[in-house]
Amino acid sequence: MKLNRMQIDVILKGIAGGLDREDACRKAGIDRASLSEWLRCGAEDAGSGRRSLNRELFERIAEAEVECEAWHLRNISSAADRDWKASAWFLERTRRERYARRSLPPEMDEEGDELTVIG
């Protein structure tokens, strides 16, 4: 299948709006294999300096993913002004090594004392 401008627009708008690549392909009426092939060709074209629709898609798809991520980060930041849980959620997921929830082993209580199950 040959890539066209309309498919690029649908894919990029979908991804910028929050769709993953698989769903963006469905929305554009293509299969995931076509997208993979176009991106592979786009990477080759970028490496050789050749201009093409494949290269345009290759270069812009990462921008669309970043645009989506940036929108959600702004949304979380805005929500954090009203509710601390939005900030906690953000830190737990982006700074896992410092803020991720740590579950206790099932045989320990919150103070770290061992529990014995009877019966």
PDB file of N, CA and C in Angstrom:
ATOM      1  N   MET A   1       0.850  -1.179   0.000  1.00  0.00           N
ATOM      2  CA  MET A   1       0.000   0.000   0.000  1.00  0.00           C
ATOM      3  C   MET A   1       0.895   1.241   0.000  1.00  0.00           C
ATOM      4  N   LYS A   2       0.548   2.211  -0.806  1.00  0.00           N
ATOM      5  CA  LYS A   2       1.326   3.444  -0.919  1.00  0.00           C
ATOM      6  C   LYS A   2       0.778   4.487   0.055  1.00  0.00           C
ATOM      7  N   LEU A   3       1.678   5.147   0.753  1.00  0.00           N
ATOM      8  CA  LEU A   3       1.333   6.169   1.735  1.00  0.00           C
ATOM      9  C   LEU A   3       0.839   7.430   1.046  1.00  0.00           C
ATOM     10  N   ASN A   4      -0.195   8.061   1.616  1.00  0.00           N
ATOM     11  CA  ASN A   4      -0.665   9.340   1.076  1.00  0.00           C
ATOM     12  C   ASN A   4      -0.823  10.360   2.208  1.00  0.00           C
ATOM     13  N   ARG A   5      -0.999  11.602   1.826  1.00  0.00           N
ATOM     14  CA  ARG A   5      -1.078  12.715   2.777  1.00  0.00           C
ATOM     15  C   ARG A   5      -2.228  12.534   3.774  1.00  0.00           C
ATOM     16  N   MET A   6      -3.386  12.060   3.316  1.00  0.00           N
ATOM     17  CA  MET A   6      -4.532  11.882   4.200  1.00  0.00           C
ATOM     18  C   MET A   6      -4.218  10.863   5.302  1.00  0.00           C
ATOM     19  N   GLN A   7      -3.544   9.778   4.933  1.00  0.00           N
ATOM     20  CA  GLN A   7      -3.181   8.771   5.934  1.00  0.00           C
ATOM     21  C   GLN A   7      -2.222   9.348   6.972  1.00  0.00           C
ATOM     22  N   ILE A   8      -1.267  10.144   6.516  1.00  0.00           N
ATOM     23  CA  ILE A   8      -0.342  10.791   7.452  1.00  0.00           C
ATOM     24  C   ILE A   8      -1.124  11.641   8.439  1.00  0.00           C
ATOM     25  N   ASP A   9      -2.032  12.467   7.933  1.00  0.00           N
ATOM     26  CA  ASP A   9      -2.809  13.353   8.803  1.00  0.00           C
ATOM     27  C   ASP A   9      -3.634  12.576   9.822  1.00  0.00           C
ATOM     28  N   VAL A  10      -4.298  11.514   9.383  1.00  0.00           N
ATOM     29  CA  VAL A  10      -5.134  10.722  10.294  1.00  0.00           C
ATOM     30  C   VAL A  10      -4.269  10.047  11.359  1.00  0.00           C
ATOM     31  N   ILE A  11      -3.157   9.474  10.949  1.00  0.00           N
ATOM     32  CA  ILE A  11      -2.262   8.799  11.897  1.00  0.00           C
ATOM     33  C   ILE A  11      -1.721   9.787  12.921  1.00  0.00           C
ATOM     34  N   LEU A  12      -1.212  10.919  12.450  1.00  0.00           N
ATOM     35  CA  LEU A  12      -0.603  11.887  13.363  1.00  0.00           C
ATOM     36  C   LEU A  12      -1.630  12.520  14.298  1.00  0.00           C
ATOM     37  N   LYS A  13      -2.806  12.854  13.789  1.00  0.00           N
ATOM     38  CA  LYS A  13      -3.855  13.411  14.653  1.00  0.00           C
ATOM     39  C   LYS A  13      -4.287  12.391  15.698  1.00  0.00           C
ATOM     40  N   GLY A  14      -4.411  11.145  15.284  1.00  0.00           N
ATOM     41  CA  GLY A  14      -4.795  10.098  16.226  1.00  0.00           C
ATOM     42  C   GLY A  14      -3.783   9.936  17.340  1.00  0.00           C
ATOM     43  N   ILE A  15      -2.515   9.879  16.986  1.00  0.00           N
ATOM     44  CA  ILE A  15      -1.464   9.703  17.988  1.00  0.00           C
ATOM     45  C   ILE A  15      -1.365  10.929  18.886  1.00  0.00           C
ATOM     46  N   ALA A  16      -1.423  12.119  18.302  1.00  0.00           N
ATOM     47  CA  ALA A  16      -1.379  13.341  19.113  1.00  0.00           C
ATOM     48  C   ALA A  16      -2.568  13.407  20.068  1.00  0.00           C
ATOM     49  N   GLY A  17      -3.688  12.806  19.664  1.00  0.00           N
ATOM     50  CA  GLY A  17      -4.884  12.797  20.499  1.00  0.00           C
ATOM     51  C   GLY A  17      -4.924  11.681  21.521  1.00  0.00           C
ATOM     52  N   GLY A  18      -3.930  10.798  21.521  1.00  0.00           N
ATOM     53  CA  GLY A  18      -3.861   9.774  22.550  1.00  0.00           C
ATOM     54  C   GLY A  18      -3.946   8.340  22.070  1.00  0.00           C
ATOM     55  N   LEU A  19      -4.177   8.122  20.783  1.00  0.00           N
ATOM     56  CA  LEU A  19      -4.224   6.744  20.292  1.00  0.00           C
ATOM     57  C   LEU A  19      -2.819   6.155  20.244  1.00  0.00           C
ATOM     58  N   ASP A  20      -2.712   4.857  20.479  1.00  0.00           N
ATOM     59  CA  ASP A  20      -1.428   4.210  20.245  1.00  0.00           C
ATOM     60  C   ASP A  20      -1.302   3.958  18.740  1.00  0.00           C
ATOM     61  N   ARG A  21      -0.158   3.495  18.321  1.00  0.00           N
ATOM     62  CA  ARG A  21       0.080   3.321  16.881  1.00  0.00           C
ATOM     63  C   ARG A  21      -0.895   2.324  16.260  1.00  0.00           C
ATOM     64  N   GLU A  22      -1.203   1.257  16.989  1.00  0.00           N
ATOM     65  CA  GLU A  22      -2.131   0.240  16.475  1.00  0.00           C
ATOM     66  C   GLU A  22      -3.499   0.848  16.180  1.00  0.00           C
ATOM     67  N   ASP A  23      -4.039   1.615  17.135  1.00  0.00           N
ATOM     68  CA  ASP A  23      -5.360   2.218  16.940  1.00  0.00           C
ATOM     69  C   ASP A  23      -5.330   3.330  15.894  1.00  0.00           C
ATOM     70  N   ALA A  24      -4.229   4.063  15.818  1.00  0.00           N
ATOM     71  CA  ALA A  24      -4.102   5.094  14.784  1.00  0.00           C
ATOM     72  C   ALA A  24      -4.125   4.450  13.395  1.00  0.00           C
ATOM     73  N   CYS A  25      -3.516   3.282  13.269  1.00  0.00           N
ATOM     74  CA  CYS A  25      -3.560   2.548  11.994  1.00  0.00           C
ATOM     75  C   CYS A  25      -4.993   2.170  11.652  1.00  0.00           C
ATOM     76  N   ARG A  26      -5.716   1.650  12.631  1.00  0.00           N
ATOM     77  CA  ARG A  26      -7.113   1.271  12.379  1.00  0.00           C
ATOM     78  C   ARG A  26      -7.913   2.475  11.911  1.00  0.00           C
ATOM     79  N   LYS A  27      -7.720   3.604  12.590  1.00  0.00           N
ATOM     80  CA  LYS A  27      -8.449   4.819  12.229  1.00  0.00           C
ATOM     81  C   LYS A  27      -8.123   5.252  10.799  1.00  0.00           C
ATOM     82  N   ALA A  28      -6.881   5.035  10.384  1.00  0.00           N
ATOM     83  CA  ALA A  28      -6.456   5.413   9.028  1.00  0.00           C
ATOM     84  C   ALA A  28      -6.811   4.342   7.993  1.00  0.00           C
ATOM     85  N   GLY A  29      -7.329   3.211   8.447  1.00  0.00           N
ATOM     86  CA  GLY A  29      -7.719   2.156   7.519  1.00  0.00           C
ATOM     87  C   GLY A  29      -6.563   1.348   6.962  1.00  0.00           C
ATOM     88  N   ILE A  30      -5.490   1.258   7.742  1.00  0.00           N
ATOM     89  CA  ILE A  30      -4.320   0.486   7.302  1.00  0.00           C
ATOM     90  C   ILE A  30      -3.973  -0.549   8.366  1.00  0.00           C
ATOM     91  N   ASP A  31      -3.103  -1.479   8.003  1.00  0.00           N
ATOM     92  CA  ASP A  31      -2.646  -2.433   9.011  1.00  0.00           C
ATOM     93  C   ASP A  31      -1.313  -1.970   9.591  1.00  0.00           C
ATOM     94  N   ARG A  32      -0.966  -2.537  10.726  1.00  0.00           N
ATOM     95  CA  ARG A  32       0.249  -2.141  11.445  1.00  0.00           C
ATOM     96  C   ARG A  32       1.501  -2.427  10.615  1.00  0.00           C
ATOM     97  N   ALA A  33       1.453  -3.475   9.816  1.00  0.00           N
ATOM     98  CA  ALA A  33       2.607  -3.819   8.977  1.00  0.00           C
ATOM     99  C   ALA A  33       2.910  -2.715   7.967  1.00  0.00           C
ATOM    100  N   SER A  34       1.868  -2.080   7.428  1.00  0.00           N
ATOM    101  CA  SER A  34       2.090  -0.972   6.483  1.00  0.00           C
ATOM    102  C   SER A  34       2.791   0.179   7.181  1.00  0.00           C
ATOM    103  N   LEU A  35       2.329   0.521   8.381  1.00  0.00           N
ATOM    104  CA  LEU A  35       2.977   1.605   9.122  1.00  0.00           C
ATOM    105  C   LEU A  35       4.439   1.267   9.388  1.00  0.00           C
ATOM    106  N   SER A  36       4.700   0.058   9.820  1.00  0.00           N
ATOM    107  CA  SER A  36       6.085  -0.349  10.098  1.00  0.00           C
ATOM    108  C   SER A  36       6.959  -0.221   8.856  1.00  0.00           C
ATOM    109  N   GLU A  37       6.434  -0.629   7.724  1.00  0.00           N
ATOM    110  CA  GLU A  37       7.188  -0.536   6.472  1.00  0.00           C
ATOM    111  C   GLU A  37       7.428   0.927   6.085  1.00  0.00           C
ATOM    112  N   TRP A  38       6.399   1.760   6.211  1.00  0.00           N
ATOM    113  CA  TRP A  38       6.561   3.182   5.888  1.00  0.00           C
ATOM    114  C   TRP A  38       7.604   3.834   6.795  1.00  0.00           C
ATOM    115  N   LEU A  39       7.589   3.485   8.068  1.00  0.00           N
ATOM    116  CA  LEU A  39       8.560   4.064   9.000  1.00  0.00           C
ATOM    117  C   LEU A  39       9.971   3.571   8.694  1.00  0.00           C
ATOM    118  N   ARG A  40      10.109   2.308   8.315  1.00  0.00           N
ATOM    119  CA  ARG A  40      11.414   1.780   7.932  1.00  0.00           C
ATOM    120  C   ARG A  40      11.945   2.524   6.709  1.00  0.00           C
ATOM    121  N   CYS A  41      11.087   2.690   5.706  1.00  0.00           N
ATOM    122  CA  CYS A  41      11.484   3.429   4.495  1.00  0.00           C
ATOM    123  C   CYS A  41      11.787   4.889   4.828  1.00  0.00           C
ATOM    124  N   GLY A  42      10.999   5.464   5.735  1.00  0.00           N
ATOM    125  CA  GLY A  42      11.229   6.849   6.144  1.00  0.00           C
ATOM    126  C   GLY A  42      12.569   7.035   6.824  1.00  0.00           C
ATOM    127  N   ALA A  43      12.963   6.066   7.646  1.00  0.00           N
ATOM    128  CA  ALA A  43      14.272   6.128   8.309  1.00  0.00           C
ATOM    129  C   ALA A  43      15.393   6.050   7.273  1.00  0.00           C
ATOM    130  N   GLU A  44      15.232   5.177   6.294  1.00  0.00           N
ATOM    131  CA  GLU A  44      16.226   5.079   5.216  1.00  0.00           C
ATOM    132  C   GLU A  44      16.309   6.383   4.435  1.00  0.00           C
ATOM    133  N   ASP A  45      15.151   6.955   4.108  1.00  0.00           N
ATOM    134  CA  ASP A  45      15.130   8.218   3.361  1.00  0.00           C
ATOM    135  C   ASP A  45      15.784   9.337   4.164  1.00  0.00           C
ATOM    136  N   ALA A  46      15.517   9.379   5.467  1.00  0.00           N
ATOM    137  CA  ALA A  46      16.132  10.412   6.315  1.00  0.00           C
ATOM    138  C   ALA A  46      17.645  10.238   6.342  1.00  0.00           C
ATOM    139  N   GLY A  47      18.096   8.987   6.410  1.00  0.00           N
ATOM    140  CA  GLY A  47      19.532   8.714   6.435  1.00  0.00           C
ATOM    141  C   GLY A  47      20.244   9.102   5.156  1.00  0.00           C
ATOM    142  N   SER A  48      19.530   9.013   4.047  1.00  0.00           N
ATOM    143  CA  SER A  48      20.150   9.341   2.755  1.00  0.00           C
ATOM    144  C   SER A  48      19.855  10.769   2.304  1.00  0.00           C
ATOM    145  N   GLY A  49      19.048  11.496   3.085  1.00  0.00           N
ATOM    146  CA  GLY A  49      18.722  12.871   2.725  1.00  0.00           C
ATOM    147  C   GLY A  49      17.611  13.001   1.705  1.00  0.00           C
ATOM    148  N   ARG A  50      16.972  11.892   1.368  1.00  0.00           N
ATOM    149  CA  ARG A  50      15.898  11.902   0.377  1.00  0.00           C
ATOM    150  C   ARG A  50      14.601  12.384   1.025  1.00  0.00           C
ATOM    151  N   ARG A  51      13.877  13.272   0.339  1.00  0.00           N
ATOM    152  CA  ARG A  51      12.587  13.767   0.826  1.00  0.00           C
ATOM    153  C   ARG A  51      11.488  12.845   0.316  1.00  0.00           C
ATOM    154  N   SER A  52      10.565  12.480   1.215  1.00  0.00           N
ATOM    155  CA  SER A  52       9.464  11.604   0.816  1.00  0.00           C
ATOM    156  C   SER A  52       8.359  11.690   1.864  1.00  0.00           C
ATOM    157  N   LEU A  53       7.184  11.192   1.519  1.00  0.00           N
ATOM    158  CA  LEU A  53       6.095  11.112   2.495  1.00  0.00           C
ATOM    159  C   LEU A  53       6.468  10.162   3.632  1.00  0.00           C
ATOM    160  N   ASN A  54       7.183   9.091   3.301  1.00  0.00           N
ATOM    161  CA  ASN A  54       7.632   8.163   4.343  1.00  0.00           C
ATOM    162  C   ASN A  54       8.527   8.873   5.355  1.00  0.00           C
ATOM    163  N   ARG A  55       9.441   9.680   4.850  1.00  0.00           N
ATOM    164  CA  ARG A  55      10.337  10.413   5.745  1.00  0.00           C
ATOM    165  C   ARG A  55       9.548  11.401   6.595  1.00  0.00           C
ATOM    166  N   GLU A  56       8.584  12.087   5.992  1.00  0.00           N
ATOM    167  CA  GLU A  56       7.763  13.033   6.748  1.00  0.00           C
ATOM    168  C   GLU A  56       7.045  12.320   7.897  1.00  0.00           C
ATOM    169  N   LEU A  57       6.441  11.178   7.601  1.00  0.00           N
ATOM    170  CA  LEU A  57       5.764  10.409   8.642  1.00  0.00           C
ATOM    171  C   LEU A  57       6.761   9.978   9.712  1.00  0.00           C
ATOM    172  N   PHE A  58       7.899   9.458   9.294  1.00  0.00           N
ATOM    173  CA  PHE A  58       8.940   9.012  10.218  1.00  0.00           C
ATOM    174  C   PHE A  58       9.360  10.136  11.167  1.00  0.00           C
ATOM    175  N   GLU A  59       9.558  11.331  10.633  1.00  0.00           N
ATOM    176  CA  GLU A  59      10.031  12.449  11.448  1.00  0.00           C
ATOM    177  C   GLU A  59       8.939  13.036  12.329  1.00  0.00           C
ATOM    178  N   ARG A  60       7.700  12.999  11.866  1.00  0.00           N
ATOM    179  CA  ARG A  60       6.619  13.653  12.608  1.00  0.00           C
ATOM    180  C   ARG A  60       5.918  12.753  13.615  1.00  0.00           C
ATOM    181  N   ILE A  61       6.063  11.441  13.506  1.00  0.00           N
ATOM    182  CA  ILE A  61       5.330  10.557  14.407  1.00  0.00           C
ATOM    183  C   ILE A  61       5.823  10.713  15.849  1.00  0.00           C
ATOM    184  N   ALA A  62       7.116  10.879  16.039  1.00  0.00           N
ATOM    185  CA  ALA A  62       7.645  11.091  17.389  1.00  0.00           C
ATOM    186  C   ALA A  62       7.153  12.421  17.952  1.00  0.00           C
ATOM    187  N   GLU A  63       7.057  13.438  17.100  1.00  0.00           N
ATOM    188  CA  GLU A  63       6.526  14.735  17.539  1.00  0.00           C
ATOM    189  C   GLU A  63       5.087  14.594  18.014  1.00  0.00           C
ATOM    190  N   ALA A  64       4.291  13.808  17.313  1.00  0.00           N
ATOM    191  CA  ALA A  64       2.891  13.598  17.701  1.00  0.00           C
ATOM    192  C   ALA A  64       2.811  12.885  19.046  1.00  0.00           C
ATOM    193  N   GLU A  65       3.697  11.917  19.268  1.00  0.00           N
ATOM    194  CA  GLU A  65       3.711  11.210  20.553  1.00  0.00           C
ATOM    195  C   GLU A  65       4.110  12.148  21.689  1.00  0.00           C
ATOM    196  N   VAL A  66       5.078  13.014  21.447  1.00  0.00           N
ATOM    197  CA  VAL A  66       5.497  13.988  22.458  1.00  0.00           C
ATOM    198  C   VAL A  66       4.391  15.004  22.713  1.00  0.00           C
ATOM    199  N   GLU A  67       3.703  15.426  21.667  1.00  0.00           N
ATOM    200  CA  GLU A  67       2.587  16.367  21.817  1.00  0.00           C
ATOM    201  C   GLU A  67       1.516  15.783  22.735  1.00  0.00           C
ATOM    202  N   CYS A  68       1.195  14.524  22.542  1.00  0.00           N
ATOM    203  CA  CYS A  68       0.205  13.854  23.384  1.00  0.00           C
ATOM    204  C   CYS A  68       0.688  13.807  24.830  1.00  0.00           C
ATOM    205  N   GLU A  69       1.921  13.401  25.026  1.00  0.00           N
ATOM    206  CA  GLU A  69       2.479  13.316  26.373  1.00  0.00           C
ATOM    207  C   GLU A  69       2.490  14.684  27.047  1.00  0.00           C
ATOM    208  N   ALA A  70       2.892  15.716  26.318  1.00  0.00           N
ATOM    209  CA  ALA A  70       2.946  17.066  26.886  1.00  0.00           C
ATOM    210  C   ALA A  70       1.562  17.541  27.310  1.00  0.00           C
ATOM    211  N   TRP A  71       0.546  17.243  26.507  1.00  0.00           N
ATOM    212  CA  TRP A  71      -0.818  17.635  26.866  1.00  0.00           C
ATOM    213  C   TRP A  71      -1.222  16.993  28.180  1.00  0.00           C
ATOM    214  N   HIS A  72      -0.931  15.702  28.328  1.00  0.00           N
ATOM    215  CA  HIS A  72      -1.309  15.003  29.556  1.00  0.00           C
ATOM    216  C   HIS A  72      -0.517  15.510  30.760  1.00  0.00           C
ATOM    217  N   LEU A  73       0.743  15.847  30.569  1.00  0.00           N
ATOM    218  CA  LEU A  73       1.529  16.410  31.669  1.00  0.00           C
ATOM    219  C   LEU A  73       0.970  17.763  32.101  1.00  0.00           C
ATOM    220  N   ARG A  74       0.571  18.594  31.133  1.00  0.00           N
ATOM    221  CA  ARG A  74      -0.051  19.880  31.485  1.00  0.00           C
ATOM    222  C   ARG A  74      -1.361  19.654  32.228  1.00  0.00           C
ATOM    223  N   ASN A  75      -2.134  18.680  31.794  1.00  0.00           N
ATOM    224  CA  ASN A  75      -3.405  18.365  32.430  1.00  0.00           C
ATOM    225  C   ASN A  75      -3.196  17.903  33.877  1.00  0.00           C
ATOM    226  N   ILE A  76      -2.219  17.029  34.097  1.00  0.00           N
ATOM    227  CA  ILE A  76      -1.914  16.567  35.453  1.00  0.00           C
ATOM    228  C   ILE A  76      -1.446  17.735  36.311  1.00  0.00           C
ATOM    229  N   SER A  77      -0.582  18.563  35.753  1.00  0.00           N
ATOM    230  CA  SER A  77      -0.080  19.719  36.496  1.00  0.00           C
ATOM    231  C   SER A  77      -1.213  20.654  36.885  1.00  0.00           C
ATOM    232  N   SER A  78      -2.122  20.887  35.969  1.00  0.00           N
ATOM    233  CA  SER A  78      -3.281  21.735  36.250  1.00  0.00           C
ATOM    234  C   SER A  78      -4.153  21.115  37.336  1.00  0.00           C
ATOM    235  N   ALA A  79      -4.373  19.807  37.268  1.00  0.00           N
ATOM    236  CA  ALA A  79      -5.191  19.122  38.274  1.00  0.00           C
ATOM    237  C   ALA A  79      -4.503  19.138  39.630  1.00  0.00           C
ATOM    238  N   ALA A  80      -3.184  19.130  39.640  1.00  0.00           N
ATOM    239  CA  ALA A  80      -2.442  19.115  40.902  1.00  0.00           C
ATOM    240  C   ALA A  80      -2.654  20.396  41.695  1.00  0.00           C
ATOM    241  N   ASP A  81      -2.998  21.486  41.027  1.00  0.00           N
ATOM    242  CA  ASP A  81      -3.300  22.728  41.739  1.00  0.00           C
ATOM    243  C   ASP A  81      -4.530  22.567  42.620  1.00  0.00           C
ATOM    244  N   ARG A  82      -5.441  21.674  42.229  1.00  0.00           N
ATOM    245  CA  ARG A  82      -6.687  21.475  42.968  1.00  0.00           C
ATOM    246  C   ARG A  82      -6.679  20.224  43.835  1.00  0.00           C
ATOM    247  N   ASP A  83      -5.822  19.268  43.511  1.00  0.00           N
ATOM    248  CA  ASP A  83      -5.862  17.982  44.206  1.00  0.00           C
ATOM    249  C   ASP A  83      -4.456  17.387  44.251  1.00  0.00           C
ATOM    250  N   TRP A  84      -3.905  17.219  45.437  1.00  0.00           N
ATOM    251  CA  TRP A  84      -2.545  16.720  45.607  1.00  0.00           C
ATOM    252  C   TRP A  84      -2.353  15.339  44.985  1.00  0.00           C
ATOM    253  N   LYS A  85      -3.429  14.559  44.856  1.00  0.00           N
ATOM    254  CA  LYS A  85      -3.293  13.188  44.343  1.00  0.00           C
ATOM    255  C   LYS A  85      -2.779  13.178  42.900  1.00  0.00           C
ATOM    256  N   ALA A  86      -3.070  14.211  42.148  1.00  0.00           N
ATOM    257  CA  ALA A  86      -2.546  14.279  40.778  1.00  0.00           C
ATOM    258  C   ALA A  86      -1.022  14.380  40.801  1.00  0.00           C
ATOM    259  N   SER A  87      -0.483  15.151  41.727  1.00  0.00           N
ATOM    260  CA  SER A  87       0.976  15.251  41.854  1.00  0.00           C
ATOM    261  C   SER A  87       1.567  13.928  42.316  1.00  0.00           C
ATOM    262  N   ALA A  88       0.911  13.293  43.279  1.00  0.00           N
ATOM    263  CA  ALA A  88       1.396  11.996  43.764  1.00  0.00           C
ATOM    264  C   ALA A  88       1.405  10.974  42.629  1.00  0.00           C
ATOM    265  N   TRP A  89       0.341  10.958  41.849  1.00  0.00           N
ATOM    266  CA  TRP A  89       0.245  10.030  40.720  1.00  0.00           C
ATOM    267  C   TRP A  89       1.401  10.272  39.750  1.00  0.00           C
ATOM    268  N   PHE A  90       1.643  11.537  39.432  1.00  0.00           N
ATOM    269  CA  PHE A  90       2.714  11.882  38.500  1.00  0.00           C
ATOM    270  C   PHE A  90       4.070  11.401  39.026  1.00  0.00           C
ATOM    271  N   LEU A  91       4.359  11.692  40.281  1.00  0.00           N
ATOM    272  CA  LEU A  91       5.648  11.300  40.848  1.00  0.00           C
ATOM    273  C   LEU A  91       5.800   9.781  40.913  1.00  0.00           C
ATOM    274  N   GLU A  92       4.743   9.084  41.285  1.00  0.00           N
ATOM    275  CA  GLU A  92       4.806   7.618  41.358  1.00  0.00           C
ATOM    276  C   GLU A  92       5.157   7.004  40.012  1.00  0.00           C
ATOM    277  N   ARG A  93       4.700   7.608  38.950  1.00  0.00           N
ATOM    278  CA  ARG A  93       4.889   7.010  37.635  1.00  0.00           C
ATOM    279  C   ARG A  93       6.113   7.520  36.883  1.00  0.00           C
ATOM    280  N   THR A  94       6.576   8.708  37.205  1.00  0.00           N
ATOM    281  CA  THR A  94       7.723   9.244  36.476  1.00  0.00           C
ATOM    282  C   THR A  94       9.020   9.187  37.270  1.00  0.00           C
ATOM    283  N   ARG A  95       8.929   9.052  38.567  1.00  0.00           N
ATOM    284  CA  ARG A  95      10.105   8.976  39.443  1.00  0.00           C
ATOM    285  C   ARG A  95       9.982   7.727  40.315  1.00  0.00           C
ATOM    286  N   ARG A  96       9.792   6.603  39.639  1.00  0.00           N
ATOM    287  CA  ARG A  96       9.502   5.341  40.332  1.00  0.00           C
ATOM    288  C   ARG A  96      10.516   5.009  41.417  1.00  0.00           C
ATOM    289  N   GLU A  97      11.789   5.219  41.123  1.00  0.00           N
ATOM    290  CA  GLU A  97      12.824   4.826  42.081  1.00  0.00           C
ATOM    291  C   GLU A  97      12.691   5.560  43.414  1.00  0.00           C
ATOM    292  N   ARG A  98      12.089   6.726  43.404  1.00  0.00           N
ATOM    293  CA  ARG A  98      11.954   7.498  44.644  1.00  0.00           C
ATOM    294  C   ARG A  98      10.538   7.511  45.200  1.00  0.00           C
ATOM    295  N   TYR A  99       9.522   7.461  44.329  1.00  0.00           N
ATOM    296  CA  TYR A  99       8.157   7.699  44.792  1.00  0.00           C
ATOM    297  C   TYR A  99       7.168   6.565  44.537  1.00  0.00           C
ATOM    298  N   ALA A 100       7.581   5.519  43.859  1.00  0.00           N
ATOM    299  CA  ALA A 100       6.629   4.441  43.558  1.00  0.00           C
ATOM    300  C   ALA A 100       6.135   3.793  44.842  1.00  0.00           C
ATOM    301  N   ARG A 101       4.901   3.370  44.802  1.00  0.00           N
ATOM    302  CA  ARG A 101       4.350   2.650  45.947  1.00  0.00           C
ATOM    303  C   ARG A 101       5.115   1.347  46.103  1.00  0.00           C
ATOM    304  N   ARG A 102       5.405   1.048  47.323  1.00  0.00           N
ATOM    305  CA  ARG A 102       6.083  -0.210  47.618  1.00  0.00           C
ATOM    306  C   ARG A 102       5.132  -1.065  48.439  1.00  0.00           C
ATOM    307  N   SER A 103       4.845  -2.226  47.935  1.00  0.00           N
ATOM    308  CA  SER A 103       3.935  -3.094  48.672  1.00  0.00           C
ATOM    309  C   SER A 103       4.728  -3.917  49.678  1.00  0.00           C
ATOM    310  N   LEU A 104       4.127  -4.094  50.833  1.00  0.00           N
ATOM    311  CA  LEU A 104       4.751  -4.907  51.863  1.00  0.00           C
ATOM    312  C   LEU A 104       4.522  -6.373  51.545  1.00  0.00           C
ATOM    313  N   PRO A 105       5.464  -7.214  51.936  1.00  0.00           N
ATOM    314  CA  PRO A 105       5.199  -8.641  51.773  1.00  0.00           C
ATOM    315  C   PRO A 105       3.934  -8.990  52.553  1.00  0.00           C
ATOM    316  N   PRO A 106       3.142  -9.916  52.064  1.00  0.00           N
ATOM    317  CA  PRO A 106       1.858 -10.205  52.699  1.00  0.00           C
ATOM    318  C   PRO A 106       1.974 -10.652  54.149  1.00  0.00           C
ATOM    319  N   GLU A 107       3.130 -11.161  54.543  1.00  0.00           N
ATOM    320  CA  GLU A 107       3.263 -11.638  55.913  1.00  0.00           C
ATOM    321  C   GLU A 107       3.764 -10.569  56.883  1.00  0.00           C
ATOM    322  N   MET A 108       3.857  -9.315  56.434  1.00  0.00           N
ATOM    323  CA  MET A 108       4.326  -8.227  57.296  1.00  0.00           C
ATOM    324  C   MET A 108       3.216  -7.193  57.461  1.00  0.00           C
ATOM    325  N   ASP A 109       3.160  -6.580  58.636  1.00  0.00           N
ATOM    326  CA  ASP A 109       2.212  -5.488  58.809  1.00  0.00           C
ATOM    327  C   ASP A 109       2.921  -4.177  58.492  1.00  0.00           C
ATOM    328  N   GLU A 110       2.238  -3.052  58.685  1.00  0.00           N
ATOM    329  CA  GLU A 110       2.792  -1.754  58.296  1.00  0.00           C
ATOM    330  C   GLU A 110       4.030  -1.362  59.095  1.00  0.00           C
ATOM    331  N   GLU A 111       4.166  -1.883  60.305  1.00  0.00           N
ATOM    332  CA  GLU A 111       5.355  -1.584  61.111  1.00  0.00           C
ATOM    333  C   GLU A 111       6.508  -2.533  60.809  1.00  0.00           C
ATOM    334  N   GLY A 112       6.268  -3.486  59.929  1.00  0.00           N
ATOM    335  CA  GLY A 112       7.310  -4.436  59.576  1.00  0.00           C
ATOM    336  C   GLY A 112       7.334  -5.659  60.467  1.00  0.00           C
ATOM    337  N   ASP A 113       6.339  -5.773  61.347  1.00  0.00           N
ATOM    338  CA  ASP A 113       6.267  -6.938  62.225  1.00  0.00           C
ATOM    339  C   ASP A 113       5.690  -8.119  61.458  1.00  0.00           C
ATOM    340  N   GLU A 114       6.237  -9.282  61.743  1.00  0.00           N
ATOM    341  CA  GLU A 114       5.752 -10.482  61.071  1.00  0.00           C
ATOM    342  C   GLU A 114       4.374 -10.866  61.596  1.00  0.00           C
ATOM    343  N   LEU A 115       3.504 -11.265  60.692  1.00  0.00           N
ATOM    344  CA  LEU A 115       2.159 -11.692  61.054  1.00  0.00           C
ATOM    345  C   LEU A 115       2.080 -13.211  60.995  1.00  0.00           C
ATOM    346  N   THR A 116       1.308 -13.760  61.899  1.00  0.00           N
ATOM    347  CA  THR A 116       1.069 -15.199  61.894  1.00  0.00           C
ATOM    348  C   THR A 116      -0.404 -15.435  61.649  1.00  0.00           C
ATOM    349  N   VAL A 117      -0.701 -16.213  60.632  1.00  0.00           N
ATOM    350  CA  VAL A 117      -2.087 -16.527  60.316  1.00  0.00           C
ATOM    351  C   VAL A 117      -2.449 -17.819  61.033  1.00  0.00           C
ATOM    352  N   ILE A 118      -3.518 -17.761  61.830  1.00  0.00           N
ATOM    353  CA  ILE A 118      -3.986 -18.934  62.573  1.00  0.00           C
ATOM    354  C   ILE A 118      -5.323 -19.355  61.991  1.00  0.00           C
ATOM    355  N   GLY A 119      -5.444 -20.634  61.741  1.00  0.00           N
ATOM    356  CA  GLY A 119      -6.722 -21.174  61.287  1.00  0.00           C
ATOM    357  C   GLY A 119      -6.803 -21.274  59.863  1.00  0.00           C
TER     358      GLY A 119
END
